[in-house]
Amino acid sequence: MGNLRICFAGTPDFAAAHLLALLDSSHQVIGVYTQPDRPGGRGNKLQPSPVKQIAEQTSIPLFQPQTLKTPDQQKLLAELEADVFVIVAYGLILPKPILTIPKFGCINVHASLLPRWRGAAPIERSILAGDKKSGVTIMKMDEGLDTGPMLHQQPVPIANSDTRKTLENNLCLAGKRALLYTLDNLETLFAGATRQDEKASTYAEKLQKTDALINWSCPAERVNRTIRAGIGRFPAYTFLDGDRLRIIEAIPKTKKFDQSPGSIVELRKEGFVVSCLNSSLHVKVVQLPGKNIANVHQILNARPLLFAPGKSFGNCEAES
């Protein structure tokens, strides 16, 4: 299609990258919506979202409503006379009246191959489930949660080494391409929109910190998926000598040891080996409480007995 008048809504870095792609395209971004500033960082001061920072740098009209459910907010959007409302990881629910205000309605960039992994945490859930591929779906939004008709999909393979960060980066690249392709071919793709198969749908429930607690009674591959899925947001953790230990990088091995799961069975210069169910995990990078992320060999220089064979990891802190 020709140049579209676009309103954009998003909040985190993933959304900001898509906004930048729109700004580099032939389409016109006439307004940006993002969530209200949230406290964070040192001093817990209010922090602007990555999307807000871009809007302010480019002098695009910026809106940060607490909700889009009020008539005033819906009137404001209507006055912008947008052709389409592009939603990428916005974080606020769009009420039914909003969906029909723009000329072509609202489209969403979702980081999964719908109908698999509808919901808030599709990237983490795909890794935790051991999926071999993910992708991006561009859909026309309806009243449901990620249930709208699909306009375009772009598959993305998941490597055994992919973490939440690396997979998110790959999905972001695919998402930008898919979004621009969709906007350039909007009417054609609308005409060929595909309904989702409800029987094939799964829900990507938002992760909680407890989801990152390592269960050593699982196979090492599954433990490693917990580690990979938590990079940067909810780091995988366990307890050693009653202290919380984050595990940042590890390699699953098929070698089996007789010791019970969670036991340290070998100590090497570049890491330590933990017994898992019918397998083992070679841990290379960790984070001690109050310390920076470090390679195991760096920690051993100062604390050579910390990961001594025979010690076991637990699932709770020491009682005070």
C-alpha atoms as a PDB file:
ATOM      1  CA  MET A   1       0.000   0.000   0.000  1.00  0.00           C
ATOM      2  CA  GLY A   2       0.950   3.627  -0.181  1.00  0.00           C
ATOM      3  CA  ASN A   3       2.089   5.658   2.782  1.00  0.00           C
ATOM      4  CA  LEU A   4      -0.005   4.833   5.841  1.00  0.00           C
ATOM      5  CA  ARG A   5      -0.755   7.078   8.791  1.00  0.00           C
ATOM      6  CA  ILE A   6       0.272   4.921  11.739  1.00  0.00           C
ATOM      7  CA  CYS A   7      -0.302   5.164  15.456  1.00  0.00           C
ATOM      8  CA  PHE A   8       2.145   2.974  17.351  1.00  0.00           C
ATOM      9  CA  ALA A   9       1.819   1.468  20.830  1.00  0.00           C
ATOM     10  CA  GLY A  10       4.605  -0.342  22.665  1.00  0.00           C
ATOM     11  CA  THR A  11       6.807  -0.178  25.721  1.00  0.00           C
ATOM     12  CA  PRO A  12      10.042  -2.277  25.978  1.00  0.00           C
ATOM     13  CA  ASP A  13      13.162  -2.487  23.799  1.00  0.00           C
ATOM     14  CA  PHE A  14      11.504  -5.095  21.563  1.00  0.00           C
ATOM     15  CA  ALA A  15       8.786  -2.560  20.735  1.00  0.00           C
ATOM     16  CA  ALA A  16      11.243   0.301  20.349  1.00  0.00           C
ATOM     17  CA  ALA A  17      13.112  -1.588  17.622  1.00  0.00           C
ATOM     18  CA  HIS A  18       9.873  -1.933  15.653  1.00  0.00           C
ATOM     19  CA  LEU A  19       9.131   1.766  16.072  1.00  0.00           C
ATOM     20  CA  LEU A  20      12.546   2.616  14.654  1.00  0.00           C
ATOM     21  CA  ALA A  21      11.848   0.370  11.670  1.00  0.00           C
ATOM     22  CA  LEU A  22       8.604   2.248  11.015  1.00  0.00           C
ATOM     23  CA  LEU A  23      10.391   5.582  11.237  1.00  0.00           C
ATOM     24  CA  ASP A  24      12.838   4.398   8.571  1.00  0.00           C
ATOM     25  CA  SER A  25      10.013   3.275   6.276  1.00  0.00           C
ATOM     26  CA  SER A  26       7.834   5.186   3.823  1.00  0.00           C
ATOM     27  CA  HIS A  27       4.954   5.212   6.306  1.00  0.00           C
ATOM     28  CA  GLN A  28       4.164   8.103   8.657  1.00  0.00           C
ATOM     29  CA  VAL A  29       4.084   7.632  12.426  1.00  0.00           C
ATOM     30  CA  ILE A  30       1.625  10.254  13.667  1.00  0.00           C
ATOM     31  CA  GLY A  31       1.419   9.273  17.320  1.00  0.00           C
ATOM     32  CA  VAL A  32       3.058   6.998  19.875  1.00  0.00           C
ATOM     33  CA  TYR A  33       1.468   5.337  22.880  1.00  0.00           C
ATOM     34  CA  THR A  34       3.469   3.800  25.708  1.00  0.00           C
ATOM     35  CA  GLN A  35       2.868   2.888  29.321  1.00  0.00           C
ATOM     36  CA  PRO A  36       3.271   5.518  32.054  1.00  0.00           C
ATOM     37  CA  ASP A  37       6.765   5.894  33.480  1.00  0.00           C
ATOM     38  CA  ARG A  38       7.620   3.253  36.081  1.00  0.00           C
ATOM     39  CA  PRO A  39      10.019   3.458  39.041  1.00  0.00           C
ATOM     40  CA  GLY A  40      13.337   1.706  38.570  1.00  0.00           C
ATOM     41  CA  GLY A  41      17.110   1.986  38.669  1.00  0.00           C
ATOM     42  CA  ARG A  42      19.056   3.662  41.440  1.00  0.00           C
ATOM     43  CA  GLY A  43      16.821   5.579  43.770  1.00  0.00           C
ATOM     44  CA  ASN A  44      13.749   3.892  42.263  1.00  0.00           C
ATOM     45  CA  LYS A  45      13.087   7.011  40.209  1.00  0.00           C
ATOM     46  CA  LEU A  46      10.513   7.141  37.425  1.00  0.00           C
ATOM     47  CA  GLN A  47      12.008   5.803  34.207  1.00  0.00           C
ATOM     48  CA  PRO A  48      10.772   6.461  30.658  1.00  0.00           C
ATOM     49  CA  SER A  49      10.187   3.409  28.496  1.00  0.00           C
ATOM     50  CA  PRO A  50      12.484   2.791  25.497  1.00  0.00           C
ATOM     51  CA  VAL A  51       9.546   3.666  23.220  1.00  0.00           C
ATOM     52  CA  LYS A  52       9.000   6.973  25.007  1.00  0.00           C
ATOM     53  CA  GLN A  53      12.662   7.875  24.605  1.00  0.00           C
ATOM     54  CA  ILE A  54      12.436   7.425  20.827  1.00  0.00           C
ATOM     55  CA  ALA A  55       9.210   9.427  20.599  1.00  0.00           C
ATOM     56  CA  GLU A  56      10.769  12.312  22.510  1.00  0.00           C
ATOM     57  CA  GLN A  57      13.939  12.229  20.402  1.00  0.00           C
ATOM     58  CA  THR A  58      11.917  12.396  17.185  1.00  0.00           C
ATOM     59  CA  SER A  59       9.257  14.843  18.449  1.00  0.00           C
ATOM     60  CA  ILE A  60       6.387  12.491  17.655  1.00  0.00           C
ATOM     61  CA  PRO A  61       3.207  13.218  19.659  1.00  0.00           C
ATOM     62  CA  LEU A  62       3.371  10.993  22.750  1.00  0.00           C
ATOM     63  CA  PHE A  63       0.530   9.597  24.853  1.00  0.00           C
ATOM     64  CA  GLN A  64       0.833   7.702  28.147  1.00  0.00           C
ATOM     65  CA  PRO A  65      -2.689   6.971  29.355  1.00  0.00           C
ATOM     66  CA  GLN A  66      -3.324   4.694  32.318  1.00  0.00           C
ATOM     67  CA  THR A  67      -6.096   3.087  30.278  1.00  0.00           C
ATOM     68  CA  LEU A  68      -7.695   3.268  26.837  1.00  0.00           C
ATOM     69  CA  LYS A  69     -11.134   2.417  28.177  1.00  0.00           C
ATOM     70  CA  THR A  70     -12.330   5.991  28.738  1.00  0.00           C
ATOM     71  CA  PRO A  71     -14.347   7.915  26.112  1.00  0.00           C
ATOM     72  CA  ASP A  72     -11.834  10.769  26.254  1.00  0.00           C
ATOM     73  CA  GLN A  73      -8.946   8.510  25.232  1.00  0.00           C
ATOM     74  CA  GLN A  74     -10.979   6.923  22.474  1.00  0.00           C
ATOM     75  CA  LYS A  75     -11.955  10.350  21.140  1.00  0.00           C
ATOM     76  CA  LEU A  76      -8.297  11.403  21.183  1.00  0.00           C
ATOM     77  CA  LEU A  77      -7.291   8.395  19.092  1.00  0.00           C
ATOM     78  CA  ALA A  78     -10.101   9.064  16.636  1.00  0.00           C
ATOM     79  CA  GLU A  79      -8.931  12.656  16.196  1.00  0.00           C
ATOM     80  CA  LEU A  80      -5.518  11.421  15.050  1.00  0.00           C
ATOM     81  CA  GLU A  81      -7.197   9.884  11.972  1.00  0.00           C
ATOM     82  CA  ALA A  82      -4.824   6.942  11.785  1.00  0.00           C
ATOM     83  CA  ASP A  83      -5.053   4.376   9.017  1.00  0.00           C
ATOM     84  CA  VAL A  84      -3.826   1.622  11.330  1.00  0.00           C
ATOM     85  CA  PHE A  85      -2.845   1.169  14.977  1.00  0.00           C
ATOM     86  CA  VAL A  86       0.301  -0.992  15.333  1.00  0.00           C
ATOM     87  CA  ILE A  87       0.684  -2.728  18.718  1.00  0.00           C
ATOM     88  CA  VAL A  88       3.978  -4.285  19.843  1.00  0.00           C
ATOM     89  CA  ALA A  89       4.368  -5.398  23.477  1.00  0.00           C
ATOM     90  CA  TYR A  90       2.293  -2.483  24.724  1.00  0.00           C
ATOM     91  CA  GLY A  91       1.108  -4.030  27.978  1.00  0.00           C
ATOM     92  CA  LEU A  92      -2.338  -2.413  28.125  1.00  0.00           C
ATOM     93  CA  ILE A  93      -5.595  -4.033  27.070  1.00  0.00           C
ATOM     94  CA  LEU A  94      -7.284  -2.521  24.024  1.00  0.00           C
ATOM     95  CA  PRO A  95     -11.045  -2.277  24.622  1.00  0.00           C
ATOM     96  CA  LYS A  96     -13.474  -3.128  21.817  1.00  0.00           C
ATOM     97  CA  PRO A  97     -14.148   0.500  20.736  1.00  0.00           C
ATOM     98  CA  ILE A  98     -10.429   1.083  20.070  1.00  0.00           C
ATOM     99  CA  LEU A  99     -10.240  -1.844  17.651  1.00  0.00           C
ATOM    100  CA  THR A 100     -12.450  -0.171  15.068  1.00  0.00           C
ATOM    101  CA  ILE A 101     -11.312   3.460  15.313  1.00  0.00           C
ATOM    102  CA  PRO A 102      -8.435   3.367  12.774  1.00  0.00           C
ATOM    103  CA  LYS A 103      -9.404   2.892   9.135  1.00  0.00           C
ATOM    104  CA  PHE A 104      -7.852  -0.589   8.956  1.00  0.00           C
ATOM    105  CA  GLY A 105      -8.195  -1.419  12.630  1.00  0.00           C
ATOM    106  CA  CYS A 106      -5.386  -2.602  14.912  1.00  0.00           C
ATOM    107  CA  ILE A 107      -2.597  -5.061  14.095  1.00  0.00           C
ATOM    108  CA  ASN A 108      -0.284  -6.760  16.555  1.00  0.00           C
ATOM    109  CA  VAL A 109       3.258  -8.126  16.312  1.00  0.00           C
ATOM    110  CA  HIS A 110       3.343 -11.275  18.466  1.00  0.00           C
ATOM    111  CA  ALA A 111       6.556 -13.199  19.182  1.00  0.00           C
ATOM    112  CA  SER A 112       5.338 -16.717  18.421  1.00  0.00           C
ATOM    113  CA  LEU A 113       3.818 -18.779  15.644  1.00  0.00           C
ATOM    114  CA  LEU A 114       0.209 -18.453  16.719  1.00  0.00           C
ATOM    115  CA  PRO A 115      -1.891 -20.126  17.916  1.00  0.00           C
ATOM    116  CA  ARG A 116       1.025 -21.596  19.881  1.00  0.00           C
ATOM    117  CA  TRP A 117       2.042 -19.474  22.880  1.00  0.00           C
ATOM    118  CA  ARG A 118      -0.625 -16.845  23.114  1.00  0.00           C
ATOM    119  CA  GLY A 119      -0.065 -14.569  26.085  1.00  0.00           C
ATOM    120  CA  ALA A 120       2.612 -12.654  27.934  1.00  0.00           C
ATOM    121  CA  ALA A 121       5.751 -14.821  27.783  1.00  0.00           C
ATOM    122  CA  PRO A 122       5.962 -16.617  24.415  1.00  0.00           C
ATOM    123  CA  ILE A 123       9.756 -16.388  24.158  1.00  0.00           C
ATOM    124  CA  GLU A 124      10.488 -17.917  27.555  1.00  0.00           C
ATOM    125  CA  ARG A 125       7.791 -20.570  27.229  1.00  0.00           C
ATOM    126  CA  SER A 126       9.042 -21.715  23.841  1.00  0.00           C
ATOM    127  CA  ILE A 127      12.526 -22.279  25.275  1.00  0.00           C
ATOM    128  CA  LEU A 128      11.228 -23.994  28.398  1.00  0.00           C
ATOM    129  CA  ALA A 129       9.125 -26.334  26.272  1.00  0.00           C
ATOM    130  CA  GLY A 130      12.100 -27.313  24.129  1.00  0.00           C
ATOM    131  CA  ASP A 131      10.522 -25.992  20.916  1.00  0.00           C
ATOM    132  CA  LYS A 132      12.730 -26.226  17.848  1.00  0.00           C
ATOM    133  CA  LYS A 133      11.224 -23.181  16.204  1.00  0.00           C
ATOM    134  CA  SER A 134       9.438 -19.980  17.092  1.00  0.00           C
ATOM    135  CA  GLY A 135       8.554 -17.034  14.940  1.00  0.00           C
ATOM    136  CA  VAL A 136       6.542 -13.859  14.572  1.00  0.00           C
ATOM    137  CA  THR A 137       2.861 -13.544  13.765  1.00  0.00           C
ATOM    138  CA  ILE A 138       1.246 -10.349  12.510  1.00  0.00           C
ATOM    139  CA  MET A 139      -2.446 -10.505  13.287  1.00  0.00           C
ATOM    140  CA  LYS A 140      -5.492  -8.279  13.152  1.00  0.00           C
ATOM    141  CA  MET A 141      -6.571  -7.746  16.734  1.00  0.00           C
ATOM    142  CA  ASP A 142      -9.948  -8.783  18.067  1.00  0.00           C
ATOM    143  CA  GLU A 143     -11.400  -8.836  21.580  1.00  0.00           C
ATOM    144  CA  GLY A 144      -9.624 -12.046  22.586  1.00  0.00           C
ATOM    145  CA  LEU A 145      -6.106 -12.576  23.888  1.00  0.00           C
ATOM    146  CA  ASP A 146      -3.960 -13.030  20.770  1.00  0.00           C
ATOM    147  CA  THR A 147      -6.880 -14.718  19.002  1.00  0.00           C
ATOM    148  CA  GLY A 148      -7.276 -12.491  15.939  1.00  0.00           C
ATOM    149  CA  PRO A 149      -6.977 -13.579  12.290  1.00  0.00           C
ATOM    150  CA  MET A 150      -3.391 -14.000  11.112  1.00  0.00           C
ATOM    151  CA  LEU A 151      -2.057 -11.812   8.319  1.00  0.00           C
ATOM    152  CA  HIS A 152       1.548 -12.966   8.035  1.00  0.00           C
ATOM    153  CA  GLN A 153       3.993 -15.303   9.804  1.00  0.00           C
ATOM    154  CA  GLN A 154       7.777 -15.482   9.811  1.00  0.00           C
ATOM    155  CA  PRO A 155       9.344 -18.648  11.320  1.00  0.00           C
ATOM    156  CA  VAL A 156      12.545 -18.419  13.378  1.00  0.00           C
ATOM    157  CA  PRO A 157      14.553 -21.522  14.363  1.00  0.00           C
ATOM    158  CA  ILE A 158      15.552 -22.040  17.992  1.00  0.00           C
ATOM    159  CA  ALA A 159      19.116 -23.268  18.406  1.00  0.00           C
ATOM    160  CA  ASN A 160      20.111 -25.436  21.369  1.00  0.00           C
ATOM    161  CA  SER A 161      22.322 -22.566  22.501  1.00  0.00           C
ATOM    162  CA  ASP A 162      19.663 -19.850  22.227  1.00  0.00           C
ATOM    163  CA  THR A 163      18.852 -17.906  25.386  1.00  0.00           C
ATOM    164  CA  ARG A 164      15.920 -15.591  25.965  1.00  0.00           C
ATOM    165  CA  LYS A 165      18.117 -12.702  24.862  1.00  0.00           C
ATOM    166  CA  THR A 166      19.419 -14.248  21.640  1.00  0.00           C
ATOM    167  CA  LEU A 167      16.023 -15.605  20.623  1.00  0.00           C
ATOM    168  CA  GLU A 168      14.402 -12.245  21.350  1.00  0.00           C
ATOM    169  CA  ASN A 169      16.998 -10.550  19.138  1.00  0.00           C
ATOM    170  CA  ASN A 170      16.297 -12.982  16.293  1.00  0.00           C
ATOM    171  CA  LEU A 171      12.545 -12.556  16.689  1.00  0.00           C
ATOM    172  CA  CYS A 172      12.966  -8.802  16.700  1.00  0.00           C
ATOM    173  CA  LEU A 173      14.762  -8.894  13.350  1.00  0.00           C
ATOM    174  CA  ALA A 174      12.063 -11.140  11.908  1.00  0.00           C
ATOM    175  CA  GLY A 175       9.324  -9.004  13.429  1.00  0.00           C
ATOM    176  CA  LYS A 176      10.554  -5.801  11.834  1.00  0.00           C
ATOM    177  CA  ARG A 177      10.670  -7.436   8.403  1.00  0.00           C
ATOM    178  CA  ALA A 178       7.259  -9.030   8.879  1.00  0.00           C
ATOM    179  CA  LEU A 179       5.667  -5.787  10.058  1.00  0.00           C
ATOM    180  CA  LEU A 180       6.912  -3.755   7.123  1.00  0.00           C
ATOM    181  CA  TYR A 181       5.880  -6.471   4.663  1.00  0.00           C
ATOM    182  CA  THR A 182       2.410  -6.532   6.203  1.00  0.00           C
ATOM    183  CA  LEU A 183       1.974  -2.767   6.055  1.00  0.00           C
ATOM    184  CA  ASP A 184       3.171  -2.654   2.449  1.00  0.00           C
ATOM    185  CA  ASN A 185       0.624  -5.346   1.501  1.00  0.00           C
ATOM    186  CA  LEU A 186      -2.092  -4.629   4.033  1.00  0.00           C
ATOM    187  CA  GLU A 187      -5.241  -4.858   1.918  1.00  0.00           C
ATOM    188  CA  THR A 188      -4.085  -8.028   0.162  1.00  0.00           C
ATOM    189  CA  LEU A 189      -3.184  -9.710   3.454  1.00  0.00           C
ATOM    190  CA  PHE A 190      -6.476  -8.660   5.039  1.00  0.00           C
ATOM    191  CA  ALA A 191      -8.312 -10.333   2.183  1.00  0.00           C
ATOM    192  CA  GLY A 192      -6.396 -13.582   2.791  1.00  0.00           C
ATOM    193  CA  ALA A 193      -6.359 -13.503   6.608  1.00  0.00           C
ATOM    194  CA  THR A 194      -6.304 -16.925   8.265  1.00  0.00           C
ATOM    195  CA  ARG A 195      -8.337 -17.880  11.311  1.00  0.00           C
ATOM    196  CA  GLN A 196      -6.415 -19.500  14.150  1.00  0.00           C
ATOM    197  CA  ASP A 197      -6.940 -23.148  14.993  1.00  0.00           C
ATOM    198  CA  GLU A 198      -8.322 -23.053  18.529  1.00  0.00           C
ATOM    199  CA  LYS A 199      -7.535 -26.737  19.076  1.00  0.00           C
ATOM    200  CA  ALA A 200      -3.828 -26.046  18.543  1.00  0.00           C
ATOM    201  CA  SER A 201      -3.617 -23.062  20.887  1.00  0.00           C
ATOM    202  CA  THR A 202      -1.367 -22.928  23.955  1.00  0.00           C
ATOM    203  CA  TYR A 203      -1.019 -20.225  26.572  1.00  0.00           C
ATOM    204  CA  ALA A 204       2.287 -18.573  27.510  1.00  0.00           C
ATOM    205  CA  GLU A 205       1.654 -17.691  31.116  1.00  0.00           C
ATOM    206  CA  LYS A 206       3.778 -14.879  32.524  1.00  0.00           C
ATOM    207  CA  LEU A 207       6.857 -16.165  34.328  1.00  0.00           C
ATOM    208  CA  GLN A 208       7.226 -15.869  38.067  1.00  0.00           C
ATOM    209  CA  LYS A 209      10.504 -15.897  39.980  1.00  0.00           C
ATOM    210  CA  THR A 210       9.666 -19.364  41.274  1.00  0.00           C
ATOM    211  CA  ASP A 211       9.699 -20.650  37.687  1.00  0.00           C
ATOM    212  CA  ALA A 212      13.444 -19.977  37.702  1.00  0.00           C
ATOM    213  CA  LEU A 213      14.149 -22.274  40.672  1.00  0.00           C
ATOM    214  CA  ILE A 214      16.156 -25.208  39.339  1.00  0.00           C
ATOM    215  CA  ASN A 215      14.782 -28.708  39.810  1.00  0.00           C
ATOM    216  CA  TRP A 216      17.853 -30.931  39.782  1.00  0.00           C
ATOM    217  CA  SER A 217      15.675 -34.062  39.603  1.00  0.00           C
ATOM    218  CA  CYS A 218      14.995 -33.265  35.950  1.00  0.00           C
ATOM    219  CA  PRO A 219      17.247 -34.227  33.031  1.00  0.00           C
ATOM    220  CA  ALA A 220      20.156 -31.846  32.449  1.00  0.00           C
ATOM    221  CA  GLU A 221      18.666 -30.678  29.148  1.00  0.00           C
ATOM    222  CA  ARG A 222      15.529 -29.491  30.925  1.00  0.00           C
ATOM    223  CA  VAL A 223      17.580 -27.798  33.660  1.00  0.00           C
ATOM    224  CA  ASN A 224      19.559 -26.033  30.968  1.00  0.00           C
ATOM    225  CA  ARG A 225      16.349 -24.795  29.347  1.00  0.00           C
ATOM    226  CA  THR A 226      15.456 -23.166  32.674  1.00  0.00           C
ATOM    227  CA  ILE A 227      18.843 -21.444  32.618  1.00  0.00           C
ATOM    228  CA  ARG A 228      18.536 -20.313  28.995  1.00  0.00           C
ATOM    229  CA  ALA A 229      14.976 -19.031  29.432  1.00  0.00           C
ATOM    230  CA  GLY A 230      15.884 -16.883  32.418  1.00  0.00           C
ATOM    231  CA  ILE A 231      18.838 -14.960  31.041  1.00  0.00           C
ATOM    232  CA  GLY A 232      18.453 -11.288  31.942  1.00  0.00           C
ATOM    233  CA  ARG A 233      14.957 -11.356  33.420  1.00  0.00           C
ATOM    234  CA  PHE A 234      14.496 -14.206  35.892  1.00  0.00           C
ATOM    235  CA  PRO A 235      17.943 -15.843  36.165  1.00  0.00           C
ATOM    236  CA  ALA A 236      17.838 -19.520  37.085  1.00  0.00           C
ATOM    237  CA  TYR A 237      18.800 -20.084  40.706  1.00  0.00           C
ATOM    238  CA  THR A 238      19.505 -22.734  43.299  1.00  0.00           C
ATOM    239  CA  PHE A 239      20.913 -22.760  46.825  1.00  0.00           C
ATOM    240  CA  LEU A 240      24.368 -23.785  48.034  1.00  0.00           C
ATOM    241  CA  ASP A 241      25.249 -23.752  51.727  1.00  0.00           C
ATOM    242  CA  GLY A 242      21.936 -21.952  52.228  1.00  0.00           C
ATOM    243  CA  ASP A 243      22.864 -19.073  49.912  1.00  0.00           C
ATOM    244  CA  ARG A 244      21.115 -18.293  46.638  1.00  0.00           C
ATOM    245  CA  LEU A 245      23.287 -18.981  43.588  1.00  0.00           C
ATOM    246  CA  ARG A 246      22.314 -17.918  40.082  1.00  0.00           C
ATOM    247  CA  ILE A 247      23.453 -20.149  37.255  1.00  0.00           C
ATOM    248  CA  ILE A 248      24.015 -18.193  34.060  1.00  0.00           C
ATOM    249  CA  GLU A 249      25.635 -20.600  31.616  1.00  0.00           C
ATOM    250  CA  ALA A 250      25.941 -24.364  31.516  1.00  0.00           C
ATOM    251  CA  ILE A 251      26.240 -27.304  29.130  1.00  0.00           C
ATOM    252  CA  PRO A 252      24.077 -30.438  29.463  1.00  0.00           C
ATOM    253  CA  LYS A 253      25.863 -33.779  29.205  1.00  0.00           C
ATOM    254  CA  THR A 254      24.550 -37.309  28.763  1.00  0.00           C
ATOM    255  CA  LYS A 255      27.079 -38.741  31.248  1.00  0.00           C
ATOM    256  CA  LYS A 256      25.287 -40.225  34.244  1.00  0.00           C
ATOM    257  CA  PHE A 257      26.605 -40.323  37.816  1.00  0.00           C
ATOM    258  CA  ASP A 258      25.525 -42.469  40.758  1.00  0.00           C
ATOM    259  CA  GLN A 259      25.246 -39.500  43.107  1.00  0.00           C
ATOM    260  CA  SER A 260      21.800 -38.065  43.790  1.00  0.00           C
ATOM    261  CA  PRO A 261      20.528 -35.173  41.611  1.00  0.00           C
ATOM    262  CA  GLY A 262      21.881 -31.808  42.725  1.00  0.00           C
ATOM    263  CA  SER A 263      25.197 -33.218  43.930  1.00  0.00           C
ATOM    264  CA  ILE A 264      28.472 -31.717  42.709  1.00  0.00           C
ATOM    265  CA  VAL A 265      30.324 -34.700  41.264  1.00  0.00           C
ATOM    266  CA  GLU A 266      33.345 -33.146  39.592  1.00  0.00           C
ATOM    267  CA  LEU A 267      35.303 -29.915  39.878  1.00  0.00           C
ATOM    268  CA  ARG A 268      37.286 -28.706  36.918  1.00  0.00           C
ATOM    269  CA  LYS A 269      39.275 -25.581  36.251  1.00  0.00           C
ATOM    270  CA  GLU A 270      36.631 -24.217  33.882  1.00  0.00           C
ATOM    271  CA  GLY A 271      33.590 -25.271  35.911  1.00  0.00           C
ATOM    272  CA  PHE A 272      31.865 -27.915  38.007  1.00  0.00           C
ATOM    273  CA  VAL A 273      29.609 -30.842  37.152  1.00  0.00           C
ATOM    274  CA  VAL A 274      26.263 -31.493  38.822  1.00  0.00           C
ATOM    275  CA  SER A 275      24.370 -34.775  38.765  1.00  0.00           C
ATOM    276  CA  CYS A 276      20.897 -34.642  37.187  1.00  0.00           C
ATOM    277  CA  LEU A 277      18.335 -37.274  36.258  1.00  0.00           C
ATOM    278  CA  ASN A 278      20.184 -39.788  34.038  1.00  0.00           C
ATOM    279  CA  SER A 279      22.548 -37.005  32.967  1.00  0.00           C
ATOM    280  CA  SER A 280      24.758 -34.192  34.240  1.00  0.00           C
ATOM    281  CA  LEU A 281      25.254 -30.461  33.865  1.00  0.00           C
ATOM    282  CA  HIS A 282      28.601 -28.713  33.376  1.00  0.00           C
ATOM    283  CA  VAL A 283      28.209 -25.290  34.998  1.00  0.00           C
ATOM    284  CA  LYS A 284      30.541 -22.582  33.672  1.00  0.00           C
ATOM    285  CA  VAL A 285      29.179 -19.148  34.669  1.00  0.00           C
ATOM    286  CA  VAL A 286      27.408 -18.211  37.910  1.00  0.00           C
ATOM    287  CA  GLN A 287      26.521 -15.251  40.098  1.00  0.00           C
ATOM    288  CA  LEU A 288      27.041 -15.248  43.849  1.00  0.00           C
ATOM    289  CA  PRO A 289      24.796 -13.131  46.108  1.00  0.00           C
ATOM    290  CA  GLY A 290      25.713  -9.448  45.808  1.00  0.00           C
ATOM    291  CA  LYS A 291      28.426 -10.164  43.235  1.00  0.00           C
ATOM    292  CA  ASN A 292      28.848  -9.714  39.510  1.00  0.00           C
ATOM    293  CA  ILE A 293      28.432 -12.554  37.038  1.00  0.00           C
ATOM    294  CA  ALA A 294      31.681 -14.526  36.886  1.00  0.00           C
ATOM    295  CA  ASN A 295      33.245 -17.627  35.391  1.00  0.00           C
ATOM    296  CA  VAL A 296      33.572 -20.473  37.866  1.00  0.00           C
ATOM    297  CA  HIS A 297      37.363 -20.487  37.580  1.00  0.00           C
ATOM    298  CA  GLN A 298      37.469 -16.832  38.682  1.00  0.00           C
ATOM    299  CA  ILE A 299      35.508 -17.675  41.829  1.00  0.00           C
ATOM    300  CA  LEU A 300      37.675 -20.698  42.578  1.00  0.00           C
ATOM    301  CA  ASN A 301      40.754 -18.465  42.773  1.00  0.00           C
ATOM    302  CA  ALA A 302      39.289 -16.813  45.877  1.00  0.00           C
ATOM    303  CA  ARG A 303      37.117 -19.654  47.211  1.00  0.00           C
ATOM    304  CA  PRO A 304      38.634 -22.967  46.078  1.00  0.00           C
ATOM    305  CA  LEU A 305      36.346 -25.129  48.232  1.00  0.00           C
ATOM    306  CA  LEU A 306      33.040 -23.476  47.366  1.00  0.00           C
ATOM    307  CA  PHE A 307      32.134 -26.021  44.682  1.00  0.00           C
ATOM    308  CA  ALA A 308      33.863 -29.030  46.212  1.00  0.00           C
ATOM    309  CA  PRO A 309      32.621 -32.463  45.044  1.00  0.00           C
ATOM    310  CA  GLY A 310      30.207 -33.957  47.542  1.00  0.00           C
ATOM    311  CA  LYS A 311      28.331 -30.736  48.172  1.00  0.00           C
ATOM    312  CA  SER A 312      24.679 -30.596  47.144  1.00  0.00           C
ATOM    313  CA  PHE A 313      22.386 -27.888  45.897  1.00  0.00           C
ATOM    314  CA  GLY A 314      19.098 -27.309  47.688  1.00  0.00           C
ATOM    315  CA  ASN A 315      15.835 -25.514  47.006  1.00  0.00           C
ATOM    316  CA  CYS A 316      15.632 -23.172  49.979  1.00  0.00           C
ATOM    317  CA  GLU A 317      17.660 -20.633  51.921  1.00  0.00           C
ATOM    318  CA  ALA A 318      19.300 -21.390  55.231  1.00  0.00           C
ATOM    319  CA  GLU A 319      17.177 -20.596  58.241  1.00  0.00           C
ATOM    320  CA  SER A 320      18.441 -17.610  60.215  1.00  0.00           C
END
